[in-house]
């Protein structure tokens, strides 16, 4: 299984976002992960679509928008237009999840569902034929630098079982407290995409070393 690294721009230097995107591309990362927060669903405000659009021409990496917002249906199209190839929406914010995912797919992007730590894997059982990705949160969303919640690992394994049983090619991503030391357990549980923020942008030896360490863990897992 190939494991992809998706640095989270939440932990990047906000005054140099374009340069930070270029740095993770040069380091060998596979994606750029935009944590979009509205200050309502989570107690933080982050990147609008214009910020994403400004960075889009600078790199060739896959852009994904993780919408931590109360009204994802109103914003998904704007992030697709800004250049995001994948849009991830929270099961907790979508009363009509099937409709919301279908709209993203019809707009030409990959679609995915995000599960908070308390949300059961079973909540996505009826949309497995629609999704391209499942993101299991390994912290409670809203802030970077939190401690990885190991208790979520059985849920990661349960989602992996659901994906395998579906027979479809669906990515299983984890986000929250991912470091070179916690990534191994997440991969063992079934994850194939690692979102890492502080571990990449806050690494004492720089972004390139941080990405390489995560890649080494992925290779050895």
N, C-alpha and C. Protein backbone atom coordinates (compact mmCIF):
# COMPACT_ATOMS: atom_id res chain seq x y z
N UNK A 1 0.84 -1.20 0.00
CA UNK A 1 0.00 0.00 0.00
C UNK A 1 0.88 1.25 0.00
N UNK A 2 0.65 2.14 -0.95
CA UNK A 2 1.37 3.41 -1.01
C UNK A 2 0.72 4.39 -0.03
N UNK A 3 1.52 4.97 0.84
CA UNK A 3 1.02 5.94 1.81
C UNK A 3 1.41 7.35 1.35
N UNK A 4 0.43 8.23 1.28
CA UNK A 4 0.67 9.59 0.84
C UNK A 4 0.77 10.54 2.03
N UNK A 5 1.59 11.59 1.86
CA UNK A 5 1.79 12.61 2.89
C UNK A 5 1.07 13.87 2.44
N UNK A 6 0.23 14.42 3.32
CA UNK A 6 -0.56 15.62 3.01
C UNK A 6 -0.32 16.69 4.08
N UNK A 7 0.70 17.53 3.92
CA UNK A 7 0.94 18.56 4.92
C UNK A 7 -0.26 19.51 5.06
N UNK A 8 -0.60 19.81 6.30
CA UNK A 8 -1.71 20.71 6.60
C UNK A 8 -1.22 22.15 6.66
N UNK A 9 -1.81 23.00 5.83
CA UNK A 9 -1.39 24.41 5.78
C UNK A 9 -1.80 25.17 7.04
N UNK A 10 -2.59 24.55 7.90
CA UNK A 10 -2.95 25.20 9.16
C UNK A 10 -1.72 25.54 9.98
N UNK A 11 -0.68 24.71 9.87
CA UNK A 11 0.53 24.91 10.66
C UNK A 11 1.62 25.68 9.91
N UNK A 12 1.34 26.06 8.67
CA UNK A 12 2.34 26.77 7.86
C UNK A 12 2.46 28.22 8.31
N UNK A 13 3.49 28.89 7.84
CA UNK A 13 3.69 30.32 8.09
C UNK A 13 2.66 31.08 7.25
N UNK A 14 1.68 31.69 7.90
CA UNK A 14 0.58 32.34 7.19
C UNK A 14 1.03 33.50 6.32
N UNK A 15 2.18 34.06 6.59
CA UNK A 15 2.69 35.17 5.79
C UNK A 15 3.41 34.70 4.54
N UNK A 16 3.60 33.35 4.40
CA UNK A 16 4.37 32.81 3.28
C UNK A 16 3.70 31.55 2.73
N UNK A 17 2.40 31.55 2.59
CA UNK A 17 1.70 30.32 2.24
C UNK A 17 2.12 29.77 0.87
N UNK A 18 2.34 30.65 -0.09
CA UNK A 18 2.78 30.19 -1.40
C UNK A 18 4.13 29.50 -1.33
N UNK A 19 5.05 30.10 -0.62
CA UNK A 19 6.37 29.52 -0.46
C UNK A 19 6.32 28.20 0.31
N UNK A 20 5.44 28.13 1.28
CA UNK A 20 5.31 26.91 2.07
C UNK A 20 4.75 25.78 1.19
N UNK A 21 3.82 26.10 0.31
CA UNK A 21 3.32 25.09 -0.64
C UNK A 21 4.46 24.58 -1.52
N UNK A 22 5.27 25.48 -1.98
CA UNK A 22 6.40 25.10 -2.83
C UNK A 22 7.41 24.25 -2.06
N UNK A 23 7.58 24.56 -0.77
CA UNK A 23 8.53 23.81 0.05
C UNK A 23 8.07 22.37 0.26
N UNK A 24 6.78 22.16 0.49
CA UNK A 24 6.31 20.78 0.70
C UNK A 24 6.33 20.00 -0.62
N UNK A 25 6.11 20.69 -1.72
CA UNK A 25 6.23 20.01 -3.01
C UNK A 25 7.66 19.57 -3.25
N UNK A 26 8.61 20.47 -2.98
CA UNK A 26 10.02 20.14 -3.16
C UNK A 26 10.46 19.02 -2.23
N UNK A 27 9.81 18.91 -1.07
CA UNK A 27 10.17 17.89 -0.08
C UNK A 27 9.64 16.50 -0.46
N UNK A 28 8.73 16.45 -1.44
CA UNK A 28 8.21 15.15 -1.87
C UNK A 28 6.85 14.79 -1.33
N UNK A 29 6.13 15.77 -0.76
CA UNK A 29 4.77 15.51 -0.29
C UNK A 29 3.86 15.24 -1.49
N UNK A 30 2.71 14.64 -1.22
CA UNK A 30 1.80 14.24 -2.29
C UNK A 30 0.61 15.18 -2.46
N UNK A 31 0.23 15.86 -1.38
CA UNK A 31 -0.95 16.72 -1.41
C UNK A 31 -0.72 17.96 -0.56
N UNK A 32 -1.56 18.95 -0.77
CA UNK A 32 -1.66 20.10 0.13
C UNK A 32 -3.05 20.06 0.75
N UNK A 33 -3.10 20.04 2.07
CA UNK A 33 -4.35 19.90 2.82
C UNK A 33 -4.72 21.26 3.42
N UNK A 34 -5.87 21.78 2.97
CA UNK A 34 -6.35 23.08 3.45
C UNK A 34 -7.44 22.86 4.50
N UNK A 35 -7.15 23.19 5.75
CA UNK A 35 -8.12 23.10 6.83
C UNK A 35 -8.96 24.37 6.85
N UNK A 36 -10.16 24.27 6.34
CA UNK A 36 -11.04 25.44 6.22
C UNK A 36 -11.97 25.47 7.43
N UNK A 37 -11.88 26.53 8.23
CA UNK A 37 -12.65 26.63 9.47
C UNK A 37 -13.47 27.92 9.46
N UNK A 38 -14.71 27.83 9.95
CA UNK A 38 -15.63 28.97 9.86
C UNK A 38 -15.85 29.71 11.18
N UNK A 39 -15.22 29.27 12.26
CA UNK A 39 -15.43 29.93 13.54
C UNK A 39 -16.76 29.58 14.19
N UNK A 40 -17.52 28.66 13.59
CA UNK A 40 -18.82 28.25 14.12
C UNK A 40 -18.80 26.75 14.43
N UNK A 41 -18.58 25.94 13.40
CA UNK A 41 -18.47 24.50 13.64
C UNK A 41 -17.26 24.18 14.51
N UNK A 42 -16.19 24.94 14.30
CA UNK A 42 -14.99 24.85 15.14
C UNK A 42 -14.59 26.26 15.55
N UNK A 43 -13.94 26.42 16.71
CA UNK A 43 -13.63 27.76 17.21
C UNK A 43 -12.38 28.36 16.61
N UNK A 44 -12.35 28.48 15.29
CA UNK A 44 -11.19 29.05 14.62
C UNK A 44 -11.63 29.52 13.25
N UNK A 45 -10.89 30.45 12.66
CA UNK A 45 -11.12 30.93 11.31
C UNK A 45 -9.85 30.75 10.51
N UNK A 46 -9.97 30.21 9.30
CA UNK A 46 -8.75 30.03 8.52
C UNK A 46 -8.89 30.52 7.08
N UNK A 47 -8.74 29.62 6.11
CA UNK A 47 -8.48 30.00 4.73
C UNK A 47 -9.75 30.15 3.89
N UNK A 48 -9.91 31.33 3.30
CA UNK A 48 -10.97 31.51 2.33
C UNK A 48 -10.54 31.00 0.96
N UNK A 49 -11.48 30.86 0.03
CA UNK A 49 -11.14 30.32 -1.29
C UNK A 49 -10.16 31.19 -2.06
N UNK A 50 -10.15 32.49 -1.81
CA UNK A 50 -9.21 33.36 -2.54
C UNK A 50 -7.76 33.05 -2.15
N UNK A 51 -7.54 32.68 -0.90
CA UNK A 51 -6.20 32.30 -0.46
C UNK A 51 -5.75 31.04 -1.18
N UNK A 52 -6.63 30.06 -1.25
CA UNK A 52 -6.31 28.81 -1.94
C UNK A 52 -6.03 29.08 -3.41
N UNK A 53 -6.88 29.89 -4.04
CA UNK A 53 -6.71 30.20 -5.46
C UNK A 53 -5.39 30.91 -5.74
N UNK A 54 -4.93 31.74 -4.81
CA UNK A 54 -3.67 32.44 -5.00
C UNK A 54 -2.48 31.50 -4.98
N UNK A 55 -2.58 30.41 -4.23
CA UNK A 55 -1.49 29.44 -4.12
C UNK A 55 -1.54 28.38 -5.22
N UNK A 56 -2.72 28.20 -5.81
CA UNK A 56 -2.91 27.10 -6.77
C UNK A 56 -1.91 27.12 -7.94
N UNK A 57 -1.59 28.25 -8.57
CA UNK A 57 -0.69 28.22 -9.72
C UNK A 57 0.78 27.94 -9.36
N UNK A 58 1.10 27.95 -8.08
CA UNK A 58 2.50 27.87 -7.67
C UNK A 58 3.04 26.44 -7.59
N UNK A 59 2.14 25.46 -7.50
CA UNK A 59 2.57 24.06 -7.36
C UNK A 59 1.65 23.16 -8.17
N UNK A 60 2.13 21.94 -8.42
CA UNK A 60 1.34 20.95 -9.15
C UNK A 60 0.67 19.93 -8.23
N UNK A 61 0.92 20.04 -6.94
CA UNK A 61 0.38 19.08 -5.99
C UNK A 61 -1.16 19.10 -5.97
N UNK A 62 -1.71 17.97 -5.60
CA UNK A 62 -3.16 17.83 -5.41
C UNK A 62 -3.58 18.70 -4.23
N UNK A 63 -4.62 19.51 -4.42
CA UNK A 63 -5.18 20.33 -3.34
C UNK A 63 -6.46 19.67 -2.83
N UNK A 64 -6.58 19.57 -1.50
CA UNK A 64 -7.82 19.10 -0.91
C UNK A 64 -8.28 20.09 0.15
N UNK A 65 -9.59 20.35 0.14
CA UNK A 65 -10.20 21.26 1.11
C UNK A 65 -10.98 20.45 2.13
N UNK A 66 -10.62 20.61 3.38
CA UNK A 66 -11.32 19.96 4.49
C UNK A 66 -12.23 21.00 5.11
N UNK A 67 -13.51 20.93 4.80
CA UNK A 67 -14.46 21.96 5.20
C UNK A 67 -15.01 21.70 6.60
N UNK A 68 -14.43 22.35 7.58
CA UNK A 68 -14.92 22.31 8.96
C UNK A 68 -15.85 23.50 9.15
N UNK A 69 -17.02 23.40 8.50
CA UNK A 69 -17.96 24.52 8.44
C UNK A 69 -19.37 23.99 8.62
N UNK A 70 -20.27 24.88 9.05
CA UNK A 70 -21.65 24.45 9.29
C UNK A 70 -22.48 24.38 8.02
N UNK A 71 -22.03 25.07 6.96
CA UNK A 71 -22.79 25.08 5.70
C UNK A 71 -21.89 24.68 4.53
N UNK A 72 -21.46 23.43 4.51
CA UNK A 72 -20.54 23.01 3.44
C UNK A 72 -21.15 23.10 2.04
N UNK A 73 -22.46 22.93 1.93
CA UNK A 73 -23.10 22.99 0.62
C UNK A 73 -22.93 24.36 -0.02
N UNK A 74 -22.85 25.40 0.79
CA UNK A 74 -22.73 26.76 0.27
C UNK A 74 -21.29 27.10 -0.13
N UNK A 75 -20.32 26.35 0.39
CA UNK A 75 -18.92 26.69 0.17
C UNK A 75 -18.17 25.73 -0.74
N UNK A 76 -18.63 24.52 -0.87
CA UNK A 76 -17.86 23.51 -1.61
C UNK A 76 -17.52 23.96 -3.02
N UNK A 77 -18.48 24.51 -3.74
CA UNK A 77 -18.27 24.94 -5.12
C UNK A 77 -17.16 25.99 -5.20
N UNK A 78 -17.10 26.88 -4.25
CA UNK A 78 -16.09 27.94 -4.27
C UNK A 78 -14.68 27.38 -4.12
N UNK A 79 -14.52 26.34 -3.33
CA UNK A 79 -13.19 25.75 -3.17
C UNK A 79 -12.81 24.90 -4.37
N UNK A 80 -13.80 24.33 -5.04
CA UNK A 80 -13.52 23.62 -6.29
C UNK A 80 -13.05 24.62 -7.34
N UNK A 81 -13.73 25.76 -7.43
CA UNK A 81 -13.34 26.80 -8.37
C UNK A 81 -11.96 27.37 -8.03
N UNK A 82 -11.59 27.34 -6.76
CA UNK A 82 -10.28 27.84 -6.32
C UNK A 82 -9.15 26.88 -6.67
N UNK A 83 -9.51 25.64 -7.05
CA UNK A 83 -8.48 24.70 -7.49
C UNK A 83 -8.34 23.45 -6.66
N UNK A 84 -9.29 23.18 -5.78
CA UNK A 84 -9.22 21.96 -4.96
C UNK A 84 -9.81 20.78 -5.73
N UNK A 85 -9.02 19.74 -5.88
CA UNK A 85 -9.47 18.54 -6.60
C UNK A 85 -10.30 17.62 -5.72
N UNK A 86 -10.14 17.74 -4.40
CA UNK A 86 -10.92 16.96 -3.45
C UNK A 86 -11.56 17.89 -2.44
N UNK A 87 -12.83 17.64 -2.11
CA UNK A 87 -13.51 18.39 -1.05
C UNK A 87 -14.04 17.38 -0.04
N UNK A 88 -13.69 17.62 1.23
CA UNK A 88 -14.05 16.74 2.34
C UNK A 88 -15.04 17.46 3.24
N UNK A 89 -16.16 16.81 3.52
CA UNK A 89 -17.19 17.43 4.35
C UNK A 89 -17.49 16.55 5.56
N UNK A 90 -17.88 17.18 6.66
CA UNK A 90 -18.13 16.45 7.90
C UNK A 90 -19.52 15.82 7.91
N UNK A 91 -19.57 14.56 8.29
CA UNK A 91 -20.85 13.88 8.43
C UNK A 91 -21.73 14.61 9.44
N UNK A 92 -21.11 15.23 10.44
CA UNK A 92 -21.87 15.87 11.51
C UNK A 92 -22.61 17.12 11.05
N UNK A 93 -22.22 17.70 9.91
CA UNK A 93 -22.82 18.96 9.45
C UNK A 93 -23.77 18.78 8.28
N UNK A 94 -23.95 17.55 7.83
CA UNK A 94 -24.71 17.31 6.59
C UNK A 94 -25.96 16.48 6.86
N UNK A 95 -27.13 17.11 6.98
CA UNK A 95 -28.35 16.34 7.19
C UNK A 95 -28.73 15.51 5.96
N UNK A 96 -28.25 15.95 4.78
CA UNK A 96 -28.52 15.23 3.54
C UNK A 96 -27.18 14.89 2.89
N UNK A 97 -26.46 13.97 3.53
CA UNK A 97 -25.09 13.68 3.14
C UNK A 97 -25.00 13.18 1.70
N UNK A 98 -25.90 12.33 1.30
CA UNK A 98 -25.90 11.81 -0.07
C UNK A 98 -25.99 12.95 -1.07
N UNK A 99 -26.89 13.90 -0.83
CA UNK A 99 -27.08 15.03 -1.73
C UNK A 99 -25.83 15.92 -1.76
N UNK A 100 -25.24 16.16 -0.61
CA UNK A 100 -24.06 17.02 -0.53
C UNK A 100 -22.87 16.42 -1.28
N UNK A 101 -22.66 15.13 -1.10
CA UNK A 101 -21.57 14.45 -1.80
C UNK A 101 -21.81 14.41 -3.30
N UNK A 102 -23.03 14.16 -3.69
CA UNK A 102 -23.37 14.12 -5.12
C UNK A 102 -23.10 15.46 -5.78
N UNK A 103 -23.38 16.56 -5.08
CA UNK A 103 -23.15 17.89 -5.64
C UNK A 103 -21.67 18.14 -5.87
N UNK A 104 -20.84 17.69 -4.96
CA UNK A 104 -19.39 17.86 -5.13
C UNK A 104 -18.91 17.05 -6.33
N UNK A 105 -19.36 15.83 -6.43
CA UNK A 105 -18.96 14.98 -7.55
C UNK A 105 -19.44 15.58 -8.88
N UNK A 106 -20.67 16.07 -8.91
CA UNK A 106 -21.21 16.66 -10.13
C UNK A 106 -20.47 17.93 -10.54
N UNK A 107 -19.84 18.59 -9.56
CA UNK A 107 -19.05 19.78 -9.85
C UNK A 107 -17.66 19.45 -10.37
N UNK A 108 -17.33 18.16 -10.40
CA UNK A 108 -16.07 17.73 -11.00
C UNK A 108 -14.95 17.42 -10.04
N UNK A 109 -15.24 17.38 -8.75
CA UNK A 109 -14.20 17.10 -7.75
C UNK A 109 -14.40 15.74 -7.11
N UNK A 110 -13.34 15.22 -6.51
CA UNK A 110 -13.46 14.04 -5.67
C UNK A 110 -14.18 14.46 -4.39
N UNK A 111 -14.94 13.54 -3.81
CA UNK A 111 -15.66 13.89 -2.59
C UNK A 111 -15.31 12.92 -1.47
N UNK A 112 -15.34 13.44 -0.26
CA UNK A 112 -15.03 12.61 0.90
C UNK A 112 -15.79 13.02 2.13
N UNK A 113 -15.87 12.10 3.08
CA UNK A 113 -16.56 12.33 4.35
C UNK A 113 -15.55 12.35 5.48
N UNK A 114 -15.74 13.26 6.42
CA UNK A 114 -14.89 13.36 7.61
C UNK A 114 -15.69 12.91 8.82
N UNK A 115 -15.04 12.13 9.67
CA UNK A 115 -15.67 11.66 10.91
C UNK A 115 -14.90 12.18 12.11
N UNK A 116 -15.59 12.91 12.98
CA UNK A 116 -14.98 13.34 14.23
C UNK A 116 -14.72 12.12 15.12
N UNK A 117 -13.88 12.27 16.15
CA UNK A 117 -13.53 11.11 16.98
C UNK A 117 -14.73 10.36 17.56
N UNK A 118 -15.81 11.07 17.87
CA UNK A 118 -16.96 10.41 18.49
C UNK A 118 -17.95 9.84 17.48
N UNK A 119 -17.77 10.13 16.20
CA UNK A 119 -18.74 9.71 15.18
C UNK A 119 -18.44 8.30 14.71
N UNK A 120 -19.40 7.40 14.76
CA UNK A 120 -19.13 6.00 14.42
C UNK A 120 -18.90 5.79 12.93
N UNK A 121 -18.14 4.76 12.62
CA UNK A 121 -17.87 4.41 11.22
C UNK A 121 -19.15 4.09 10.47
N UNK A 122 -20.14 3.57 11.17
CA UNK A 122 -21.39 3.17 10.53
C UNK A 122 -22.13 4.33 9.88
N UNK A 123 -21.79 5.57 10.25
CA UNK A 123 -22.50 6.72 9.71
C UNK A 123 -22.25 6.93 8.22
N UNK A 124 -21.24 6.25 7.65
CA UNK A 124 -20.97 6.39 6.22
C UNK A 124 -21.36 5.16 5.42
N UNK A 125 -21.99 4.20 6.07
CA UNK A 125 -22.28 2.93 5.41
C UNK A 125 -23.17 3.09 4.18
N UNK A 126 -24.05 4.09 4.19
CA UNK A 126 -25.00 4.26 3.09
C UNK A 126 -24.48 5.14 1.96
N UNK A 127 -23.23 5.65 2.08
CA UNK A 127 -22.68 6.50 1.01
C UNK A 127 -21.38 5.94 0.45
N UNK A 128 -21.08 4.71 0.75
CA UNK A 128 -19.82 4.12 0.29
C UNK A 128 -19.70 4.08 -1.23
N UNK A 129 -20.81 4.02 -1.92
CA UNK A 129 -20.74 3.98 -3.39
C UNK A 129 -20.46 5.35 -3.99
N UNK A 130 -20.53 6.40 -3.18
CA UNK A 130 -20.34 7.76 -3.67
C UNK A 130 -18.95 8.32 -3.40
N UNK A 131 -18.34 7.91 -2.32
CA UNK A 131 -17.17 8.62 -1.83
C UNK A 131 -15.86 8.14 -2.45
N UNK A 132 -14.91 9.06 -2.49
CA UNK A 132 -13.55 8.77 -2.94
C UNK A 132 -12.58 8.71 -1.77
N UNK A 133 -13.02 9.19 -0.61
CA UNK A 133 -12.10 9.31 0.53
C UNK A 133 -12.89 9.37 1.83
N UNK A 134 -12.31 8.80 2.87
CA UNK A 134 -12.81 8.96 4.23
C UNK A 134 -11.67 9.53 5.07
N UNK A 135 -11.97 10.59 5.80
CA UNK A 135 -10.98 11.19 6.70
C UNK A 135 -11.44 10.95 8.14
N UNK A 136 -10.65 10.19 8.87
CA UNK A 136 -10.94 9.93 10.28
C UNK A 136 -10.10 10.89 11.12
N UNK A 137 -10.79 11.73 11.89
CA UNK A 137 -10.09 12.67 12.76
C UNK A 137 -9.51 11.94 13.97
N UNK A 138 -8.24 12.17 14.21
CA UNK A 138 -7.57 11.57 15.36
C UNK A 138 -7.31 12.62 16.45
N UNK A 139 -7.96 13.78 16.29
CA UNK A 139 -8.11 14.79 17.35
C UNK A 139 -9.48 15.41 17.13
N UNK A 140 -9.94 16.18 18.09
CA UNK A 140 -11.15 16.97 17.87
C UNK A 140 -10.77 18.19 17.03
N UNK A 141 -11.51 18.46 15.95
CA UNK A 141 -11.07 19.49 15.01
C UNK A 141 -11.14 20.90 15.58
N UNK A 142 -10.32 21.78 14.99
CA UNK A 142 -10.37 23.19 15.37
C UNK A 142 -9.03 23.83 15.61
N UNK A 143 -8.06 23.05 16.07
CA UNK A 143 -6.75 23.59 16.39
C UNK A 143 -5.65 22.61 16.00
N UNK A 144 -4.51 23.14 15.64
CA UNK A 144 -3.35 22.30 15.37
C UNK A 144 -2.59 22.00 16.64
N UNK A 145 -1.66 21.07 16.55
CA UNK A 145 -0.77 20.78 17.66
C UNK A 145 -1.38 19.95 18.78
N UNK A 146 -2.52 19.28 18.52
CA UNK A 146 -3.15 18.48 19.57
C UNK A 146 -2.55 17.08 19.64
N UNK A 147 -2.83 16.41 20.74
CA UNK A 147 -2.31 15.06 20.96
C UNK A 147 -3.18 14.02 20.24
N UNK A 148 -2.53 13.11 19.57
CA UNK A 148 -3.17 12.01 18.84
C UNK A 148 -4.01 11.16 19.77
N UNK A 149 -5.25 10.85 19.36
CA UNK A 149 -6.16 10.03 20.16
C UNK A 149 -6.07 8.59 19.67
N UNK A 150 -5.32 7.77 20.37
CA UNK A 150 -5.11 6.39 19.96
C UNK A 150 -6.39 5.57 20.01
N UNK A 151 -7.36 5.98 20.82
CA UNK A 151 -8.61 5.24 20.94
C UNK A 151 -9.40 5.20 19.63
N UNK A 152 -9.02 6.05 18.68
CA UNK A 152 -9.72 6.08 17.39
C UNK A 152 -9.24 4.97 16.46
N UNK A 153 -8.14 4.33 16.78
CA UNK A 153 -7.57 3.33 15.87
C UNK A 153 -8.52 2.19 15.51
N UNK A 154 -9.33 1.66 16.45
CA UNK A 154 -10.29 0.64 16.03
C UNK A 154 -11.28 1.15 14.98
N UNK A 155 -11.63 2.42 15.05
CA UNK A 155 -12.53 2.98 14.03
C UNK A 155 -11.82 3.06 12.68
N UNK A 156 -10.55 3.43 12.68
CA UNK A 156 -9.79 3.43 11.43
C UNK A 156 -9.82 2.04 10.81
N UNK A 157 -9.61 1.02 11.64
CA UNK A 157 -9.63 -0.36 11.16
C UNK A 157 -11.02 -0.74 10.63
N UNK A 158 -12.06 -0.26 11.30
CA UNK A 158 -13.43 -0.56 10.86
C UNK A 158 -13.72 0.07 9.51
N UNK A 159 -13.25 1.31 9.33
CA UNK A 159 -13.44 1.98 8.04
C UNK A 159 -12.66 1.27 6.95
N UNK A 160 -11.45 0.83 7.26
CA UNK A 160 -10.66 0.08 6.28
C UNK A 160 -11.39 -1.19 5.86
N UNK A 161 -12.01 -1.87 6.82
CA UNK A 161 -12.78 -3.07 6.49
C UNK A 161 -13.95 -2.73 5.56
N UNK A 162 -14.63 -1.62 5.82
CA UNK A 162 -15.74 -1.20 4.98
C UNK A 162 -15.26 -0.89 3.56
N UNK A 163 -14.11 -0.23 3.47
CA UNK A 163 -13.56 0.11 2.15
C UNK A 163 -13.21 -1.16 1.38
N UNK A 164 -12.52 -2.07 2.05
CA UNK A 164 -12.13 -3.32 1.38
C UNK A 164 -13.36 -4.11 0.93
N UNK A 165 -14.38 -4.12 1.77
CA UNK A 165 -15.60 -4.86 1.44
C UNK A 165 -16.35 -4.23 0.27
N UNK A 166 -16.17 -2.92 0.08
CA UNK A 166 -16.87 -2.22 -1.00
C UNK A 166 -16.30 -2.55 -2.37
N UNK A 167 -15.02 -2.96 -2.39
CA UNK A 167 -14.37 -3.25 -3.65
C UNK A 167 -13.99 -2.02 -4.44
N UNK A 168 -14.13 -0.85 -3.84
CA UNK A 168 -13.82 0.41 -4.51
C UNK A 168 -12.47 0.96 -4.03
N UNK A 169 -11.89 1.81 -4.85
CA UNK A 169 -10.63 2.46 -4.49
C UNK A 169 -10.94 3.75 -3.73
N UNK A 170 -10.94 3.65 -2.42
CA UNK A 170 -11.28 4.78 -1.55
C UNK A 170 -10.10 5.04 -0.61
N UNK A 171 -9.63 6.28 -0.59
CA UNK A 171 -8.54 6.63 0.32
C UNK A 171 -9.05 6.70 1.75
N UNK A 172 -8.19 6.30 2.69
CA UNK A 172 -8.48 6.42 4.11
C UNK A 172 -7.41 7.32 4.74
N UNK A 173 -7.83 8.50 5.10
CA UNK A 173 -6.93 9.54 5.58
C UNK A 173 -7.11 9.73 7.08
N UNK A 174 -6.03 10.09 7.76
CA UNK A 174 -6.10 10.41 9.19
C UNK A 174 -5.52 11.80 9.40
N UNK A 175 -6.09 12.50 10.38
CA UNK A 175 -5.70 13.90 10.60
C UNK A 175 -5.77 14.20 12.09
N UNK A 176 -4.63 14.61 12.65
CA UNK A 176 -4.62 15.04 14.04
C UNK A 176 -3.54 14.37 14.85
N UNK A 177 -2.52 15.12 15.24
CA UNK A 177 -1.45 14.55 16.06
C UNK A 177 -0.58 13.56 15.33
N UNK A 178 -0.58 13.62 14.00
CA UNK A 178 0.22 12.68 13.22
C UNK A 178 1.68 13.12 13.19
N UNK A 179 2.53 12.23 13.68
CA UNK A 179 3.97 12.45 13.70
C UNK A 179 4.65 11.16 13.25
N UNK A 180 5.97 11.20 13.17
CA UNK A 180 6.69 9.98 12.81
C UNK A 180 6.46 8.87 13.83
N UNK A 181 6.11 9.23 15.07
CA UNK A 181 5.90 8.20 16.09
C UNK A 181 4.46 7.68 16.12
N UNK A 182 3.47 8.51 15.77
CA UNK A 182 2.08 8.06 15.79
C UNK A 182 1.61 7.50 14.45
N UNK A 183 2.30 7.85 13.39
CA UNK A 183 1.87 7.43 12.05
C UNK A 183 1.86 5.92 11.89
N UNK A 184 2.81 5.24 12.52
CA UNK A 184 2.93 3.80 12.33
C UNK A 184 1.65 3.07 12.75
N UNK A 185 1.08 3.46 13.88
CA UNK A 185 -0.14 2.80 14.36
C UNK A 185 -1.33 3.12 13.46
N UNK A 186 -1.39 4.36 12.97
CA UNK A 186 -2.49 4.74 12.09
C UNK A 186 -2.42 3.96 10.78
N UNK A 187 -1.22 3.78 10.26
CA UNK A 187 -1.04 3.01 9.02
C UNK A 187 -1.39 1.55 9.26
N UNK A 188 -0.95 1.02 10.41
CA UNK A 188 -1.25 -0.37 10.74
C UNK A 188 -2.76 -0.61 10.83
N UNK A 189 -3.49 0.42 11.26
CA UNK A 189 -4.94 0.30 11.36
C UNK A 189 -5.62 0.39 10.00
N UNK A 190 -4.90 0.90 8.99
CA UNK A 190 -5.47 0.94 7.65
C UNK A 190 -5.37 2.23 6.89
N UNK A 191 -4.81 3.28 7.50
CA UNK A 191 -4.72 4.58 6.82
C UNK A 191 -3.71 4.54 5.68
N UNK A 192 -4.03 5.24 4.59
CA UNK A 192 -3.07 5.34 3.49
C UNK A 192 -2.76 6.79 3.09
N UNK A 193 -3.35 7.75 3.83
CA UNK A 193 -3.01 9.17 3.64
C UNK A 193 -2.84 9.78 5.03
N UNK A 194 -1.72 10.48 5.22
CA UNK A 194 -1.41 11.08 6.52
C UNK A 194 -1.43 12.60 6.40
N UNK A 195 -2.30 13.25 7.15
CA UNK A 195 -2.27 14.71 7.26
C UNK A 195 -1.39 15.06 8.45
N UNK A 196 -0.40 15.91 8.22
CA UNK A 196 0.50 16.31 9.30
C UNK A 196 0.77 17.80 9.19
N UNK A 197 0.54 18.50 10.27
CA UNK A 197 0.74 19.94 10.29
C UNK A 197 1.97 20.35 11.06
N UNK A 198 1.84 20.35 12.39
CA UNK A 198 2.95 20.77 13.25
C UNK A 198 4.18 19.89 13.05
N UNK A 199 3.96 18.61 12.78
CA UNK A 199 5.09 17.69 12.59
C UNK A 199 5.91 18.02 11.36
N UNK A 200 5.26 18.68 10.38
CA UNK A 200 5.97 19.07 9.16
C UNK A 200 6.53 20.48 9.28
N UNK A 201 5.65 21.45 9.54
CA UNK A 201 6.08 22.84 9.53
C UNK A 201 6.80 23.27 10.80
N UNK A 202 6.65 22.48 11.87
CA UNK A 202 7.32 22.83 13.12
C UNK A 202 8.54 21.97 13.41
N UNK A 203 8.95 21.15 12.46
CA UNK A 203 10.08 20.26 12.67
C UNK A 203 11.37 21.07 12.83
N UNK A 204 12.15 20.75 13.83
CA UNK A 204 13.36 21.53 14.12
C UNK A 204 14.39 21.47 13.00
N UNK A 205 14.32 20.44 12.18
CA UNK A 205 15.28 20.31 11.08
C UNK A 205 14.69 20.65 9.72
N UNK A 206 13.50 21.20 9.72
CA UNK A 206 12.92 21.68 8.48
C UNK A 206 11.93 20.74 7.82
N UNK A 207 11.24 21.28 6.82
CA UNK A 207 10.15 20.58 6.14
C UNK A 207 10.64 19.33 5.43
N UNK A 208 11.76 19.43 4.72
CA UNK A 208 12.25 18.29 3.94
C UNK A 208 12.55 17.09 4.83
N UNK A 209 13.17 17.33 5.97
CA UNK A 209 13.48 16.24 6.89
C UNK A 209 12.19 15.66 7.47
N UNK A 210 11.24 16.53 7.80
CA UNK A 210 9.97 16.07 8.36
C UNK A 210 9.23 15.16 7.40
N UNK A 211 9.15 15.56 6.14
CA UNK A 211 8.46 14.73 5.15
C UNK A 211 9.19 13.42 4.95
N UNK A 212 10.51 13.48 4.93
CA UNK A 212 11.30 12.26 4.75
C UNK A 212 11.08 11.28 5.90
N UNK A 213 10.99 11.78 7.12
CA UNK A 213 10.76 10.91 8.27
C UNK A 213 9.40 10.22 8.17
N UNK A 214 8.37 10.96 7.74
CA UNK A 214 7.06 10.35 7.57
C UNK A 214 7.07 9.33 6.45
N UNK A 215 7.80 9.61 5.40
CA UNK A 215 7.90 8.66 4.29
C UNK A 215 8.61 7.38 4.74
N UNK A 216 9.62 7.52 5.57
CA UNK A 216 10.35 6.35 6.07
C UNK A 216 9.45 5.48 6.93
N UNK A 217 8.64 6.10 7.78
CA UNK A 217 7.68 5.35 8.59
C UNK A 217 6.71 4.61 7.69
N UNK A 218 6.24 5.32 6.65
CA UNK A 218 5.29 4.72 5.73
C UNK A 218 5.88 3.51 5.00
N UNK A 219 7.12 3.63 4.61
CA UNK A 219 7.79 2.56 3.88
C UNK A 219 8.01 1.33 4.76
N UNK A 220 8.29 1.59 6.04
CA UNK A 220 8.61 0.50 6.95
C UNK A 220 7.39 -0.12 7.63
N UNK A 221 6.22 0.46 7.39
CA UNK A 221 5.01 -0.02 8.08
C UNK A 221 4.36 -1.17 7.30
